[in-house]
Amino acid sequence: MGPSVTQLIVILVIVIIIFGTKRLRNIGADLGGAIKSFRTSIKEGESVEDKATEDKGETIEGEVTSKSDKD
């Protein structure tokens, strides 16, 4: 029960009248850039996460101390 084709065309015409084609083009370019940036950051996050899971096998030498107040 979604909108019909004629209803979508009417909505599109109203949006074009309100915003204008130049502004809609800018909005589309900004939205596309934001999506591209989001995808890039997701891929970088996954690669950092993969590297972190690979590095878990390394041991770090040091002294382990615990503080206990249960005397």
N, C-alpha and C. Protein backbone atom coordinates (compact mmCIF):
# COMPACT_ATOMS: atom_id res chain seq x y z
N MET A 1 0.82 -1.19 0.00
CA MET A 1 0.00 0.00 0.00
C MET A 1 0.87 1.25 0.00
N GLY A 2 1.96 1.22 -0.71
CA GLY A 2 2.84 2.37 -0.80
C GLY A 2 2.27 3.43 -1.74
N PRO A 3 2.97 4.52 -1.84
CA PRO A 3 2.50 5.60 -2.72
C PRO A 3 2.60 5.20 -4.19
N SER A 4 1.65 5.70 -4.97
CA SER A 4 1.65 5.38 -6.39
C SER A 4 2.66 6.26 -7.13
N VAL A 5 2.83 5.98 -8.40
CA VAL A 5 3.79 6.71 -9.22
C VAL A 5 3.38 8.18 -9.33
N THR A 6 2.10 8.42 -9.52
CA THR A 6 1.64 9.82 -9.64
C THR A 6 1.86 10.59 -8.35
N GLN A 7 1.66 9.96 -7.21
CA GLN A 7 1.90 10.62 -5.93
C GLN A 7 3.38 10.96 -5.77
N LEU A 8 4.26 10.06 -6.18
CA LEU A 8 5.70 10.32 -6.10
C LEU A 8 6.11 11.47 -7.01
N ILE A 9 5.51 11.54 -8.19
CA ILE A 9 5.82 12.63 -9.13
C ILE A 9 5.37 13.97 -8.55
N VAL A 10 4.18 14.00 -7.94
CA VAL A 10 3.69 15.23 -7.32
C VAL A 10 4.61 15.65 -6.19
N ILE A 11 5.05 14.72 -5.36
CA ILE A 11 5.97 15.03 -4.26
C ILE A 11 7.29 15.56 -4.82
N LEU A 12 7.80 14.94 -5.87
CA LEU A 12 9.05 15.38 -6.49
C LEU A 12 8.94 16.81 -7.03
N VAL A 13 7.83 17.11 -7.69
CA VAL A 13 7.61 18.46 -8.23
C VAL A 13 7.56 19.48 -7.09
N ILE A 14 6.87 19.15 -6.01
CA ILE A 14 6.78 20.06 -4.86
C ILE A 14 8.16 20.30 -4.26
N VAL A 15 8.95 19.25 -4.11
CA VAL A 15 10.30 19.38 -3.55
C VAL A 15 11.17 20.25 -4.46
N ILE A 16 11.07 20.05 -5.77
CA ILE A 16 11.85 20.87 -6.71
C ILE A 16 11.42 22.33 -6.64
N ILE A 17 10.13 22.58 -6.50
CA ILE A 17 9.66 23.97 -6.39
C ILE A 17 10.17 24.61 -5.10
N ILE A 18 10.15 23.87 -4.01
CA ILE A 18 10.58 24.43 -2.71
C ILE A 18 12.09 24.67 -2.68
N PHE A 19 12.87 23.67 -3.05
CA PHE A 19 14.32 23.77 -2.89
C PHE A 19 15.04 24.26 -4.14
N GLY A 20 14.55 23.97 -5.29
CA GLY A 20 15.24 24.33 -6.52
C GLY A 20 16.24 23.25 -6.90
N THR A 21 16.56 23.19 -8.19
CA THR A 21 17.43 22.11 -8.66
C THR A 21 18.86 22.28 -8.19
N LYS A 22 19.34 23.52 -8.12
CA LYS A 22 20.72 23.74 -7.71
C LYS A 22 20.94 23.31 -6.26
N ARG A 23 20.00 23.67 -5.40
CA ARG A 23 20.13 23.30 -3.99
C ARG A 23 19.99 21.78 -3.81
N LEU A 24 19.10 21.16 -4.56
CA LEU A 24 18.95 19.71 -4.48
C LEU A 24 20.23 19.00 -4.93
N ARG A 25 20.89 19.55 -5.95
CA ARG A 25 22.15 18.97 -6.41
C ARG A 25 23.21 19.05 -5.31
N ASN A 26 23.27 20.20 -4.62
CA ASN A 26 24.22 20.36 -3.52
C ASN A 26 23.91 19.42 -2.37
N ILE A 27 22.64 19.27 -2.06
CA ILE A 27 22.24 18.35 -0.99
C ILE A 27 22.63 16.92 -1.36
N GLY A 28 22.40 16.53 -2.62
CA GLY A 28 22.76 15.19 -3.08
C GLY A 28 24.26 14.96 -3.02
N ALA A 29 25.04 15.98 -3.42
CA ALA A 29 26.50 15.84 -3.38
C ALA A 29 26.99 15.73 -1.94
N ASP A 30 26.42 16.53 -1.05
CA ASP A 30 26.81 16.47 0.36
C ASP A 30 26.45 15.13 0.98
N LEU A 31 25.26 14.65 0.64
CA LEU A 31 24.82 13.35 1.17
C LEU A 31 25.71 12.22 0.64
N GLY A 32 26.05 12.27 -0.64
CA GLY A 32 26.93 11.26 -1.22
C GLY A 32 28.31 11.28 -0.59
N GLY A 33 28.83 12.49 -0.34
CA GLY A 33 30.14 12.61 0.32
C GLY A 33 30.11 12.07 1.74
N ALA A 34 29.01 12.32 2.44
CA ALA A 34 28.88 11.82 3.81
C ALA A 34 28.82 10.29 3.83
N ILE A 35 28.11 9.71 2.90
CA ILE A 35 28.01 8.25 2.83
C ILE A 35 29.37 7.65 2.49
N LYS A 36 30.09 8.27 1.55
CA LYS A 36 31.42 7.78 1.17
C LYS A 36 32.38 7.85 2.36
N SER A 37 32.32 8.97 3.09
CA SER A 37 33.18 9.13 4.26
C SER A 37 32.84 8.10 5.33
N PHE A 38 31.55 7.85 5.52
CA PHE A 38 31.11 6.86 6.51
C PHE A 38 31.62 5.47 6.14
N ARG A 39 31.50 5.10 4.88
CA ARG A 39 31.97 3.77 4.44
C ARG A 39 33.48 3.64 4.62
N THR A 40 34.22 4.71 4.31
CA THR A 40 35.67 4.69 4.46
C THR A 40 36.06 4.51 5.92
N SER A 41 35.38 5.24 6.81
CA SER A 41 35.71 5.12 8.22
C SER A 41 35.35 3.75 8.77
N ILE A 42 34.28 3.15 8.28
CA ILE A 42 33.91 1.80 8.69
C ILE A 42 34.99 0.81 8.26
N LYS A 43 35.46 0.93 7.02
CA LYS A 43 36.51 0.02 6.53
C LYS A 43 37.80 0.21 7.32
N GLU A 44 38.16 1.45 7.64
CA GLU A 44 39.36 1.70 8.43
C GLU A 44 39.20 1.13 9.83
N GLY A 45 38.01 1.25 10.39
CA GLY A 45 37.76 0.69 11.72
C GLY A 45 37.89 -0.81 11.73
N GLU A 46 37.40 -1.45 10.68
CA GLU A 46 37.51 -2.91 10.60
C GLU A 46 38.97 -3.34 10.46
N SER A 47 39.75 -2.58 9.68
CA SER A 47 41.15 -2.96 9.51
C SER A 47 41.93 -2.76 10.81
N VAL A 48 41.61 -1.71 11.57
CA VAL A 48 42.26 -1.49 12.85
C VAL A 48 41.85 -2.58 13.83
N GLU A 49 40.58 -2.97 13.79
CA GLU A 49 40.09 -4.02 14.67
C GLU A 49 40.75 -5.36 14.34
N ASP A 50 40.91 -5.65 13.04
CA ASP A 50 41.58 -6.89 12.63
C ASP A 50 43.02 -6.89 13.10
N LYS A 51 43.69 -5.77 12.99
CA LYS A 51 45.08 -5.68 13.44
C LYS A 51 45.17 -5.86 14.94
N ALA A 52 44.21 -5.30 15.68
CA ALA A 52 44.22 -5.43 17.13
C ALA A 52 44.02 -6.88 17.55
N THR A 53 43.19 -7.64 16.83
CA THR A 53 42.99 -9.03 17.18
C THR A 53 44.22 -9.85 16.83
N GLU A 54 44.96 -9.46 15.80
CA GLU A 54 46.19 -10.15 15.46
C GLU A 54 47.27 -9.88 16.50
N ASP A 55 47.29 -8.69 17.07
CA ASP A 55 48.31 -8.30 18.04
C ASP A 55 48.06 -8.87 19.43
N LYS A 56 46.93 -9.50 19.68
CA LYS A 56 46.63 -10.02 21.01
C LYS A 56 47.59 -11.13 21.43
N GLY A 57 48.26 -11.77 20.50
CA GLY A 57 49.16 -12.85 20.83
C GLY A 57 50.48 -12.39 21.42
N GLU A 58 50.76 -11.09 21.38
CA GLU A 58 52.02 -10.58 21.91
C GLU A 58 51.96 -10.52 23.43
N THR A 59 53.10 -10.82 24.06
CA THR A 59 53.18 -10.71 25.51
C THR A 59 53.96 -9.47 25.88
N ILE A 60 53.55 -8.85 26.93
CA ILE A 60 54.21 -7.66 27.42
C ILE A 60 54.79 -7.98 28.78
N GLU A 61 56.10 -7.78 28.90
CA GLU A 61 56.74 -8.07 30.18
C GLU A 61 56.51 -6.92 31.14
N GLY A 62 56.25 -7.25 32.38
CA GLY A 62 56.04 -6.22 33.38
C GLY A 62 55.60 -6.86 34.68
N GLU A 63 55.46 -6.05 35.66
CA GLU A 63 55.08 -6.52 36.99
C GLU A 63 53.59 -6.32 37.17
N VAL A 64 52.93 -7.37 37.64
CA VAL A 64 51.51 -7.28 37.90
C VAL A 64 51.33 -7.13 39.40
N THR A 65 50.66 -6.10 39.79
CA THR A 65 50.40 -5.87 41.22
C THR A 65 48.92 -5.75 41.43
N SER A 66 48.49 -6.12 42.60
CA SER A 66 47.08 -5.95 42.94
C SER A 66 46.99 -5.25 44.27
N LYS A 67 46.00 -4.45 44.40
CA LYS A 67 45.81 -3.69 45.62
C LYS A 67 44.61 -4.29 46.34
N SER A 68 44.83 -4.77 47.54
CA SER A 68 43.75 -5.40 48.26
C SER A 68 43.63 -4.76 49.64
N ASP A 69 42.42 -4.37 50.01
CA ASP A 69 42.17 -3.76 51.30
C ASP A 69 41.43 -4.72 52.22
N LYS A 70 41.57 -6.00 52.00
CA LYS A 70 40.86 -7.01 52.78
C LYS A 70 41.75 -7.58 53.88
N ASP A 71 42.33 -6.77 54.74
CA ASP A 71 43.20 -7.27 55.82
C ASP A 71 42.46 -7.56 57.07
